[in-house]
C-alpha atoms as a PDB file:
ATOM      1  CA  MET A   1     103.145 137.022 236.667  1.00  0.00           C
ATOM      2  CA  PRO A   2     107.054 136.628 236.853  1.00  0.00           C
ATOM      3  CA  PRO A   3     109.141 138.601 234.646  1.00  0.00           C
ATOM      4  CA  VAL A   4     110.456 136.932 231.532  1.00  0.00           C
ATOM      5  CA  GLU A   5     114.171 136.799 231.259  1.00  0.00           C
ATOM      6  CA  VAL A   6     115.625 137.800 227.756  1.00  0.00           C
ATOM      7  CA  GLN A   7     118.611 136.119 226.776  1.00  0.00           C
ATOM      8  CA  ASP A   8     121.329 138.363 225.196  1.00  0.00           C
ATOM      9  CA  ALA A   9     122.073 138.234 221.649  1.00  0.00           C
ATOM     10  CA  GLY A  10     125.255 136.510 222.191  1.00  0.00           C
ATOM     11  CA  SER A  11     123.794 133.337 223.789  1.00  0.00           C
ATOM     12  CA  VAL A  12     121.314 133.141 220.962  1.00  0.00           C
ATOM     13  CA  GLU A  13     124.047 133.385 218.641  1.00  0.00           C
ATOM     14  CA  ALA A  14     126.023 130.881 220.184  1.00  0.00           C
ATOM     15  CA  GLY A  15     123.020 128.433 220.141  1.00  0.00           C
ATOM     16  CA  LEU A  16     122.406 128.960 216.497  1.00  0.00           C
ATOM     17  CA  ASP A  17     126.326 128.163 215.866  1.00  0.00           C
ATOM     18  CA  ALA A  18     125.955 125.019 217.734  1.00  0.00           C
ATOM     19  CA  LEU A  19     123.197 123.823 215.634  1.00  0.00           C
ATOM     20  CA  ASP A  20     125.201 124.438 212.467  1.00  0.00           C
ATOM     21  CA  THR A  21     128.251 122.648 213.974  1.00  0.00           C
ATOM     22  CA  PRO A  22     128.657 119.172 212.364  1.00  0.00           C
ATOM     23  CA  VAL A  23     128.523 116.451 214.854  1.00  0.00           C
ATOM     24  CA  ILE A  24     131.991 114.334 214.721  1.00  0.00           C
ATOM     25  CA  GLU A  25     131.139 110.765 215.162  1.00  0.00           C
ATOM     26  CA  PRO A  26     133.654 108.495 217.014  1.00  0.00           C
ATOM     27  CA  ASP A  27     135.337 105.888 215.060  1.00  0.00           C
ATOM     28  CA  GLY A  28     133.492 103.045 216.737  1.00  0.00           C
ATOM     29  CA  SER A  29     130.018 104.491 215.761  1.00  0.00           C
ATOM     30  CA  ARG A  30     131.225 105.102 212.218  1.00  0.00           C
ATOM     31  CA  LEU A  31     132.253 101.481 212.005  1.00  0.00           C
ATOM     32  CA  ARG A  32     129.040 100.143 213.296  1.00  0.00           C
ATOM     33  CA  ARG A  33     127.161 102.317 210.722  1.00  0.00           C
ATOM     34  CA  ILE A  34     129.283 101.112 207.975  1.00  0.00           C
ATOM     35  CA  GLY A  35     128.589  97.373 209.191  1.00  0.00           C
ATOM     36  CA  ALA A  36     124.893  98.175 209.500  1.00  0.00           C
ATOM     37  CA  ARG A  37     124.882  98.931 205.847  1.00  0.00           C
ATOM     38  CA  VAL A  38     127.305  96.333 204.469  1.00  0.00           C
ATOM     39  CA  LEU A  39     126.600  93.098 206.559  1.00  0.00           C
ATOM     40  CA  PRO A  40     122.768  92.845 205.624  1.00  0.00           C
ATOM     41  CA  PRO A  41     123.118  92.855 201.888  1.00  0.00           C
ATOM     42  CA  ILE A  42     126.029  90.381 202.333  1.00  0.00           C
ATOM     43  CA  GLY A  43     123.889  88.248 204.822  1.00  0.00           C
ATOM     44  CA  ALA A  44     121.074  88.311 202.050  1.00  0.00           C
ATOM     45  CA  ILE A  45     123.408  87.119 199.417  1.00  0.00           C
ATOM     46  CA  VAL A  46     124.779  84.268 201.653  1.00  0.00           C
ATOM     47  CA  ILE A  47     121.265  83.055 202.448  1.00  0.00           C
ATOM     48  CA  LEU A  48     120.182  83.171 198.778  1.00  0.00           C
ATOM     49  CA  VAL A  49     123.245  81.166 197.633  1.00  0.00           C
ATOM     50  CA  ALA A  50     122.639  78.764 200.607  1.00  0.00           C
ATOM     51  CA  ILE A  51     118.915  78.085 199.350  1.00  0.00           C
ATOM     52  CA  TRP A  52     120.238  77.936 195.766  1.00  0.00           C
ATOM     53  CA  GLN A  53     122.751  75.219 196.691  1.00  0.00           C
ATOM     54  CA  ALA A  54     120.185  73.301 198.858  1.00  0.00           C
ATOM     55  CA  LEU A  55     117.719  73.264 195.972  1.00  0.00           C
ATOM     56  CA  TRP A  56     120.302  72.087 193.689  1.00  0.00           C
ATOM     57  CA  ALA A  57     121.544  69.394 196.133  1.00  0.00           C
ATOM     58  CA  ALA A  58     117.866  68.180 196.652  1.00  0.00           C
ATOM     59  CA  ALA A  59     117.788  67.632 192.914  1.00  0.00           C
ATOM     60  CA  PHE A  60     114.237  68.895 192.359  1.00  0.00           C
ATOM     61  CA  TRP A  61     115.049  70.047 188.837  1.00  0.00           C
ATOM     62  CA  PRO A  62     117.640  68.351 186.569  1.00  0.00           C
ATOM     63  CA  GLU A  63     120.961  69.912 186.217  1.00  0.00           C
ATOM     64  CA  PHE A  64     120.478  71.258 182.831  1.00  0.00           C
ATOM     65  CA  LYS A  65     117.627  73.519 184.384  1.00  0.00           C
ATOM     66  CA  LEU A  66     119.162  74.599 187.789  1.00  0.00           C
ATOM     67  CA  PRO A  67     122.933  74.761 187.640  1.00  0.00           C
ATOM     68  CA  ALA A  68     125.237  74.477 190.775  1.00  0.00           C
ATOM     69  CA  PRO A  69     126.354  77.758 192.201  1.00  0.00           C
ATOM     70  CA  VAL A  70     129.940  76.680 191.899  1.00  0.00           C
ATOM     71  CA  ASP A  71     129.526  75.919 188.270  1.00  0.00           C
ATOM     72  CA  VAL A  72     127.922  79.431 187.810  1.00  0.00           C
ATOM     73  CA  TRP A  73     130.985  81.004 189.693  1.00  0.00           C
ATOM     74  CA  GLY A  74     133.370  78.923 187.431  1.00  0.00           C
ATOM     75  CA  GLN A  75     131.730  80.708 184.303  1.00  0.00           C
ATOM     76  CA  ILE A  76     132.296  84.269 185.697  1.00  0.00           C
ATOM     77  CA  TRP A  77     135.789  83.210 186.741  1.00  0.00           C
ATOM     78  CA  GLN A  78     136.653  82.140 183.504  1.00  0.00           C
ATOM     79  CA  LEU A  79     135.329  85.176 182.000  1.00  0.00           C
ATOM     80  CA  VAL A  80     137.809  87.119 184.518  1.00  0.00           C
ATOM     81  CA  THR A  81     140.805  85.306 183.827  1.00  0.00           C
ATOM     82  CA  SER A  82     140.384  85.380 180.167  1.00  0.00           C
ATOM     83  CA  GLY A  83     139.791  89.118 180.254  1.00  0.00           C
ATOM     84  CA  GLN A  84     136.580  88.728 178.234  1.00  0.00           C
ATOM     85  CA  ILE A  85     134.425  90.039 181.132  1.00  0.00           C
ATOM     86  CA  ALA A  86     136.068  93.578 180.619  1.00  0.00           C
ATOM     87  CA  GLU A  87     134.730  93.363 176.859  1.00  0.00           C
ATOM     88  CA  LEU A  88     131.457  92.326 178.039  1.00  0.00           C
ATOM     89  CA  PHE A  89     131.008  95.223 180.452  1.00  0.00           C
ATOM     90  CA  TRP A  90     132.671  97.804 178.184  1.00  0.00           C
ATOM     91  CA  VAL A  91     130.249  96.886 175.091  1.00  0.00           C
ATOM     92  CA  SER A  92     127.006  97.062 177.179  1.00  0.00           C
ATOM     93  CA  VAL A  93     127.829  99.685 179.813  1.00  0.00           C
ATOM     94  CA  HIS A  94     129.098 102.211 177.224  1.00  0.00           C
ATOM     95  CA  ARG A  95     126.088 101.690 175.287  1.00  0.00           C
ATOM     96  CA  ALA A  96     123.696 102.271 178.098  1.00  0.00           C
ATOM     97  CA  VAL A  97     125.762 105.448 179.212  1.00  0.00           C
ATOM     98  CA  ILE A  98     125.677 107.065 175.940  1.00  0.00           C
ATOM     99  CA  GLY A  99     121.888 106.001 175.246  1.00  0.00           C
ATOM    100  CA  PHE A 100     121.006 107.559 178.811  1.00  0.00           C
ATOM    101  CA  ALA A 101     123.004 110.687 178.155  1.00  0.00           C
ATOM    102  CA  ILE A 102     121.176 111.271 174.711  1.00  0.00           C
ATOM    103  CA  SER A 103     118.084 110.457 176.504  1.00  0.00           C
ATOM    104  CA  LEU A 104     118.686 113.211 179.226  1.00  0.00           C
ATOM    105  CA  LEU A 105     119.392 115.576 176.497  1.00  0.00           C
ATOM    106  CA  ILE A 106     115.993 114.900 174.899  1.00  0.00           C
ATOM    107  CA  ALA A 107     113.971 114.285 177.953  1.00  0.00           C
ATOM    108  CA  VAL A 108     114.633 117.482 179.981  1.00  0.00           C
ATOM    109  CA  PRO A 109     113.503 120.065 177.308  1.00  0.00           C
ATOM    110  CA  LEU A 110     110.405 117.709 176.691  1.00  0.00           C
ATOM    111  CA  GLY A 111     109.780 117.527 180.471  1.00  0.00           C
ATOM    112  CA  LEU A 112     110.084 121.351 180.847  1.00  0.00           C
ATOM    113  CA  ALA A 113     107.741 121.870 177.899  1.00  0.00           C
ATOM    114  CA  ILE A 114     105.084 119.582 179.298  1.00  0.00           C
ATOM    115  CA  ALA A 115     105.121 120.950 182.979  1.00  0.00           C
ATOM    116  CA  ASN A 116     105.124 124.570 181.786  1.00  0.00           C
ATOM    117  CA  SER A 117     102.516 124.469 178.932  1.00  0.00           C
ATOM    118  CA  LYS A 118      98.954 123.486 179.328  1.00  0.00           C
ATOM    119  CA  LEU A 119      98.554 122.941 175.571  1.00  0.00           C
ATOM    120  CA  VAL A 120     101.762 120.734 175.497  1.00  0.00           C
ATOM    121  CA  ARG A 121     100.709 118.804 178.498  1.00  0.00           C
ATOM    122  CA  ARG A 122      97.402 118.015 177.059  1.00  0.00           C
ATOM    123  CA  GLY A 123      98.466 117.038 173.685  1.00  0.00           C
ATOM    124  CA  ILE A 124     102.013 115.260 174.344  1.00  0.00           C
ATOM    125  CA  GLY A 125     101.589 114.354 178.069  1.00  0.00           C
ATOM    126  CA  PRO A 126      99.394 111.412 177.472  1.00  0.00           C
ATOM    127  CA  LEU A 127     101.428 110.135 174.762  1.00  0.00           C
ATOM    128  CA  VAL A 128     104.781 110.029 176.834  1.00  0.00           C
ATOM    129  CA  SER A 129     102.761 108.416 179.539  1.00  0.00           C
ATOM    130  CA  GLY A 130     101.792 105.724 177.180  1.00  0.00           C
ATOM    131  CA  LEU A 131     105.312 105.397 175.849  1.00  0.00           C
ATOM    132  CA  GLN A 132     106.604 104.622 179.204  1.00  0.00           C
ATOM    133  CA  SER A 133     104.006 102.048 179.642  1.00  0.00           C
ATOM    134  CA  LEU A 134     104.885 100.251 176.398  1.00  0.00           C
ATOM    135  CA  PRO A 135     107.529  97.668 176.872  1.00  0.00           C
ATOM    136  CA  SER A 136     110.556  98.863 175.006  1.00  0.00           C
ATOM    137  CA  VAL A 137     111.115  95.178 173.755  1.00  0.00           C
ATOM    138  CA  ALA A 138     108.205  95.933 171.521  1.00  0.00           C
ATOM    139  CA  TRP A 139     110.425  98.411 169.329  1.00  0.00           C
ATOM    140  CA  VAL A 140     113.186  95.905 168.739  1.00  0.00           C
ATOM    141  CA  PRO A 141     111.642  94.314 165.563  1.00  0.00           C
ATOM    142  CA  ALA A 142     110.733  97.868 164.131  1.00  0.00           C
ATOM    143  CA  ALA A 143     114.130  99.113 164.911  1.00  0.00           C
ATOM    144  CA  ILE A 144     115.906  96.371 163.218  1.00  0.00           C
ATOM    145  CA  LEU A 145     113.790  96.928 159.965  1.00  0.00           C
ATOM    146  CA  TRP A 146     114.332 100.548 160.100  1.00  0.00           C
ATOM    147  CA  PHE A 147     118.174 100.656 160.897  1.00  0.00           C
ATOM    148  CA  GLY A 148     119.407  97.253 160.488  1.00  0.00           C
ATOM    149  CA  LEU A 149     121.479  95.087 162.830  1.00  0.00           C
ATOM    150  CA  ASN A 150     123.780  98.062 163.941  1.00  0.00           C
ATOM    151  CA  ASP A 151     124.241 100.304 167.035  1.00  0.00           C
ATOM    152  CA  ARG A 152     121.553 102.779 165.772  1.00  0.00           C
ATOM    153  CA  ALA A 153     118.825 100.128 166.127  1.00  0.00           C
ATOM    154  CA  ILE A 154     119.869  99.507 169.917  1.00  0.00           C
ATOM    155  CA  TYR A 155     120.226 103.121 170.719  1.00  0.00           C
ATOM    156  CA  TRP A 156     116.617 103.880 169.310  1.00  0.00           C
ATOM    157  CA  VAL A 157     115.285 101.260 171.699  1.00  0.00           C
ATOM    158  CA  VAL A 158     116.996 102.573 174.605  1.00  0.00           C
ATOM    159  CA  LEU A 159     115.886 105.922 173.840  1.00  0.00           C
ATOM    160  CA  LEU A 160     112.210 104.975 173.680  1.00  0.00           C
ATOM    161  CA  GLY A 161     112.615 103.205 176.966  1.00  0.00           C
ATOM    162  CA  ALA A 162     114.474 105.924 178.839  1.00  0.00           C
ATOM    163  CA  VAL A 163     113.144 109.376 177.598  1.00  0.00           C
ATOM    164  CA  PRO A 164     109.518 109.006 178.606  1.00  0.00           C
ATOM    165  CA  SER A 165     110.421 107.898 182.161  1.00  0.00           C
ATOM    166  CA  ILE A 166     112.976 110.885 182.587  1.00  0.00           C
ATOM    167  CA  ALA A 167     110.720 113.424 181.143  1.00  0.00           C
ATOM    168  CA  ASN A 168     107.692 112.005 183.427  1.00  0.00           C
ATOM    169  CA  GLY A 169     110.055 112.226 186.373  1.00  0.00           C
ATOM    170  CA  LEU A 170     110.983 115.808 185.733  1.00  0.00           C
ATOM    171  CA  VAL A 171     107.388 116.710 185.186  1.00  0.00           C
ATOM    172  CA  SER A 172     106.289 115.017 188.479  1.00  0.00           C
ATOM    173  CA  GLY A 173     109.189 116.999 190.481  1.00  0.00           C
ATOM    174  CA  LEU A 174     108.104 120.222 188.794  1.00  0.00           C
ATOM    175  CA  ASP A 175     104.624 119.819 189.693  1.00  0.00           C
ATOM    176  CA  GLN A 176     105.435 119.443 193.514  1.00  0.00           C
ATOM    177  CA  VAL A 177     107.328 122.717 193.511  1.00  0.00           C
ATOM    178  CA  PRO A 178     105.361 125.213 195.612  1.00  0.00           C
ATOM    179  CA  PRO A 179     103.781 127.851 193.297  1.00  0.00           C
ATOM    180  CA  ILE A 180     105.180 130.476 195.480  1.00  0.00           C
ATOM    181  CA  LEU A 181     108.683 130.074 194.465  1.00  0.00           C
ATOM    182  CA  PRO A 182     108.346 130.953 190.807  1.00  0.00           C
ATOM    183  CA  ARG A 183     106.286 133.969 191.832  1.00  0.00           C
ATOM    184  CA  VAL A 184     109.179 135.015 194.190  1.00  0.00           C
ATOM    185  CA  GLY A 185     111.666 134.481 191.651  1.00  0.00           C
ATOM    186  CA  LYS A 186     109.629 136.645 188.993  1.00  0.00           C
ATOM    187  CA  ALA A 187     109.248 139.437 191.586  1.00  0.00           C
ATOM    188  CA  LEU A 188     113.050 139.489 192.191  1.00  0.00           C
ATOM    189  CA  GLY A 189     113.659 139.894 188.505  1.00  0.00           C
ATOM    190  CA  ALA A 190     114.216 136.446 187.193  1.00  0.00           C
ATOM    191  CA  GLY A 191     113.533 135.945 183.821  1.00  0.00           C
ATOM    192  CA  ARG A 192     112.013 132.633 182.349  1.00  0.00           C
ATOM    193  CA  LEU A 193     115.403 130.858 181.736  1.00  0.00           C
ATOM    194  CA  SER A 194     117.037 131.996 184.786  1.00  0.00           C
ATOM    195  CA  GLY A 195     113.704 130.998 186.823  1.00  0.00           C
ATOM    196  CA  ILE A 196     114.028 127.512 185.355  1.00  0.00           C
ATOM    197  CA  ARG A 197     117.822 127.259 185.849  1.00  0.00           C
ATOM    198  CA  TYR A 198     117.969 128.625 189.425  1.00  0.00           C
ATOM    199  CA  ILE A 199     114.428 128.009 190.746  1.00  0.00           C
ATOM    200  CA  LEU A 200     112.576 125.276 189.177  1.00  0.00           C
ATOM    201  CA  LEU A 201     114.933 122.642 188.506  1.00  0.00           C
ATOM    202  CA  PRO A 202     116.757 122.989 191.858  1.00  0.00           C
ATOM    203  CA  ALA A 203     113.369 122.863 193.734  1.00  0.00           C
ATOM    204  CA  ALA A 204     112.265 119.678 191.519  1.00  0.00           C
ATOM    205  CA  LEU A 205     115.681 118.097 191.884  1.00  0.00           C
ATOM    206  CA  PRO A 206     114.713 115.289 194.448  1.00  0.00           C
ATOM    207  CA  GLY A 207     111.722 114.181 192.271  1.00  0.00           C
ATOM    208  CA  PHE A 208     113.905 114.308 189.128  1.00  0.00           C
ATOM    209  CA  LEU A 209     116.510 112.126 190.751  1.00  0.00           C
ATOM    210  CA  GLY A 210     113.907 109.581 191.080  1.00  0.00           C
ATOM    211  CA  GLY A 211     113.042 109.876 187.301  1.00  0.00           C
ATOM    212  CA  LEU A 212     116.554 109.732 186.452  1.00  0.00           C
ATOM    213  CA  LYS A 213     116.905 106.452 188.433  1.00  0.00           C
ATOM    214  CA  GLN A 214     113.933 105.004 186.884  1.00  0.00           C
ATOM    215  CA  GLY A 215     114.975 106.156 183.352  1.00  0.00           C
ATOM    216  CA  TRP A 216     118.446 104.468 183.904  1.00  0.00           C
ATOM    217  CA  ALA A 217     116.541 101.181 184.940  1.00  0.00           C
ATOM    218  CA  PHE A 218     114.487 101.479 181.659  1.00  0.00           C
ATOM    219  CA  SER A 219     117.615 102.197 179.583  1.00  0.00           C
ATOM    220  CA  TRP A 220     119.490  99.249 180.975  1.00  0.00           C
ATOM    221  CA  ARG A 221     116.480  96.857 180.470  1.00  0.00           C
ATOM    222  CA  SER A 222     115.849  98.277 177.110  1.00  0.00           C
ATOM    223  CA  LEU A 223     119.469  97.695 176.145  1.00  0.00           C
ATOM    224  CA  MET A 224     119.664  93.896 177.474  1.00  0.00           C
ATOM    225  CA  ALA A 225     116.378  93.232 175.459  1.00  0.00           C
ATOM    226  CA  ALA A 226     117.839  94.798 172.254  1.00  0.00           C
ATOM    227  CA  GLU A 227     120.962  92.876 172.807  1.00  0.00           C
ATOM    228  CA  LEU A 228     119.305  89.626 173.379  1.00  0.00           C
ATOM    229  CA  ILE A 229     117.173  89.925 170.118  1.00  0.00           C
ATOM    230  CA  ALA A 230     119.458  91.989 167.701  1.00  0.00           C
ATOM    231  CA  THR A 231     122.545  89.836 167.710  1.00  0.00           C
ATOM    232  CA  SER A 232     125.285  90.176 165.006  1.00  0.00           C
ATOM    233  CA  PRO A 233     129.231  89.996 164.912  1.00  0.00           C
ATOM    234  CA  GLU A 234     129.220  93.643 163.879  1.00  0.00           C
ATOM    235  CA  LEU A 235     127.662  94.737 167.196  1.00  0.00           C
ATOM    236  CA  GLY A 236     130.310  92.988 169.609  1.00  0.00           C
ATOM    237  CA  GLU A 237     129.463  90.841 172.311  1.00  0.00           C
ATOM    238  CA  GLY A 238     127.763  92.580 175.364  1.00  0.00           C
ATOM    239  CA  LEU A 239     126.221  91.002 178.313  1.00  0.00           C
ATOM    240  CA  GLY A 240     122.733  90.244 176.289  1.00  0.00           C
ATOM    241  CA  GLN A 241     124.725  88.731 173.500  1.00  0.00           C
ATOM    242  CA  PHE A 242     126.547  86.554 176.055  1.00  0.00           C
ATOM    243  CA  LEU A 243     123.156  85.724 177.630  1.00  0.00           C
ATOM    244  CA  HIS A 244     122.018  84.751 174.059  1.00  0.00           C
ATOM    245  CA  ASN A 245     124.938  82.565 173.435  1.00  0.00           C
ATOM    246  CA  GLY A 246     124.141  80.676 176.688  1.00  0.00           C
ATOM    247  CA  MET A 247     120.489  80.010 175.522  1.00  0.00           C
ATOM    248  CA  SER A 248     121.853  78.911 172.013  1.00  0.00           C
ATOM    249  CA  LEU A 249     124.359  76.444 173.555  1.00  0.00           C
ATOM    250  CA  SER A 250     121.847  75.203 175.966  1.00  0.00           C
ATOM    251  CA  ASP A 251     124.524  76.050 178.841  1.00  0.00           C
ATOM    252  CA  ILE A 252     122.346  76.830 181.779  1.00  0.00           C
ATOM    253  CA  SER A 253     125.402  77.944 183.672  1.00  0.00           C
ATOM    254  CA  MET A 254     126.181  80.441 181.263  1.00  0.00           C
ATOM    255  CA  VAL A 255     122.945  81.740 181.183  1.00  0.00           C
ATOM    256  CA  PHE A 256     122.864  81.964 184.890  1.00  0.00           C
ATOM    257  CA  ALA A 257     126.577  83.818 184.842  1.00  0.00           C
ATOM    258  CA  GLY A 258     124.935  86.232 182.397  1.00  0.00           C
ATOM    259  CA  ILE A 259     121.938  87.029 184.551  1.00  0.00           C
ATOM    260  CA  VAL A 260     124.511  87.626 187.670  1.00  0.00           C
ATOM    261  CA  LEU A 261     126.653  89.902 185.757  1.00  0.00           C
ATOM    262  CA  ILE A 262     123.659  91.961 184.479  1.00  0.00           C
ATOM    263  CA  PHE A 263     122.395  92.152 188.011  1.00  0.00           C
ATOM    264  CA  VAL A 264     125.948  93.151 189.277  1.00  0.00           C
ATOM    265  CA  VAL A 265     126.076  96.228 186.814  1.00  0.00           C
ATOM    266  CA  GLY A 266     122.509  97.369 187.871  1.00  0.00           C
ATOM    267  CA  VAL A 267     123.275  97.239 191.537  1.00  0.00           C
ATOM    268  CA  GLY A 268     126.775  98.898 190.998  1.00  0.00           C
ATOM    269  CA  ILE A 269     125.392 101.700 189.065  1.00  0.00           C
ATOM    270  CA  GLU A 270     122.780 102.391 191.870  1.00  0.00           C
ATOM    271  CA  LEU A 271     125.328 102.146 194.665  1.00  0.00           C
ATOM    272  CA  LEU A 272     128.076 104.021 193.035  1.00  0.00           C
ATOM    273  CA  VAL A 273     126.175 106.675 191.170  1.00  0.00           C
ATOM    274  CA  PHE A 274     122.575 107.293 192.040  1.00  0.00           C
ATOM    275  CA  ARG A 275     122.925 106.571 195.907  1.00  0.00           C
ATOM    276  CA  PRO A 276     125.858 108.993 196.429  1.00  0.00           C
ATOM    277  CA  LEU A 277     124.013 111.674 194.382  1.00  0.00           C
ATOM    278  CA  GLU A 278     120.544 111.204 196.152  1.00  0.00           C
ATOM    279  CA  ASN A 279     122.358 111.213 199.592  1.00  0.00           C
ATOM    280  CA  SER A 280     124.228 114.641 198.684  1.00  0.00           C
ATOM    281  CA  VAL A 281     121.009 116.170 197.572  1.00  0.00           C
ATOM    282  CA  LEU A 282     119.266 115.124 200.661  1.00  0.00           C
ATOM    283  CA  ARG A 283     121.881 116.384 203.039  1.00  0.00           C
ATOM    284  CA  ALA A 284     122.038 119.675 201.152  1.00  0.00           C
ATOM    285  CA  ARG A 285     118.273 120.163 202.085  1.00  0.00           C
ATOM    286  CA  GLY A 286     118.961 119.330 205.770  1.00  0.00           C
ATOM    287  CA  LEU A 287     117.017 115.751 205.359  1.00  0.00           C
ATOM    288  CA  THR A 288     118.363 112.526 207.297  1.00  0.00           C
ATOM    289  CA  THR A 289     120.090 109.871 205.284  1.00  0.00           C
ATOM    290  CA  SER A 290     120.495 107.579 208.276  1.00  0.00           C
ATOM    291  CA  ALA A 291     118.362 104.873 206.541  1.00  0.00           C
ATOM    292  CA  ARG A 292     120.751 104.764 203.652  1.00  0.00           C
END
C-alpha cells in the first residue's frame, strides 16, 4: 500500500480561505443575471397586455365590461398628473403598515406561547388556525357595528386577517428547529428569554419570514375588503374606496385602474421589502439565491 501524503497545515488553511473568498463576477455576467431577472416579468406583462388588447379589439364583450388598455392607462395617468395617486397610496399603504406592525406585536408572543406550551397549543392553536381560514371580509359588518365607520373598524379587520397567519408562520418555523439547539443553549447557560432571542427565533427565521409574507398578504387583502365595504368621507379615499367609486359610477376603466394599482402595491412590497430580506437571510445561511 503506497504511503499517504499528508498536506501541511498551511495548504489546508489556504484552501479553506479560498472557499470563504467571495467570487467577483465580471460585469457581463452581472448584466446577464440582472437581465434574466428583469426581462421575464416585463415580457409576461407585455404578453398579457397584448392578449387584453386583442380581446378588446375582437369585441367579445361590450366596452362597458372590458375596457381598452389605453383607457385604463389614461385613468392611471390622470391620477398621476393630478397628484391624487399619492393620496390613494398614502391612505391605503400607511393603514396596511400600521395594521401589520400591530399584528406583528400581537402575533409573535402568541406564536411563541403556542409553540412552547402544549396546553396553549391544544386550547388556542385550533382557534388561531380557524381564524386564519375564515375570510376576514366576514368581520367587516361586525366591525362597523362595533366601532362605526372609522379607522378602528378597518384596523380590526386587518388584525384579524394578519395575526393568525403570522402566528402560525412562527409556530411552523419553531416546529422545524432541531430539538438539539435549545438543549445546547440550555447547557451553555442560556435562560428561557435568551434562548428564545438568540437560539429559537434565529433558527426559525426562514419559516417565520414565510409567515410574515403570508401575514402581509392577508393584511393587504383584509384592508382592501374593509375599504371596499366601509366607505365614508371621514375615512379618506384609499385604493379600496377608489375601486368602490368606480363601481358606483359604472366606470369599468376606473375599476380596472384600481385593480392595477392594488396589484402594483402588492408586487412592490414583495420586491422591495420581503424579497431582499429573504435573500439576505438565505445568504447568511450559505444557501443559494441564484433562482431569485
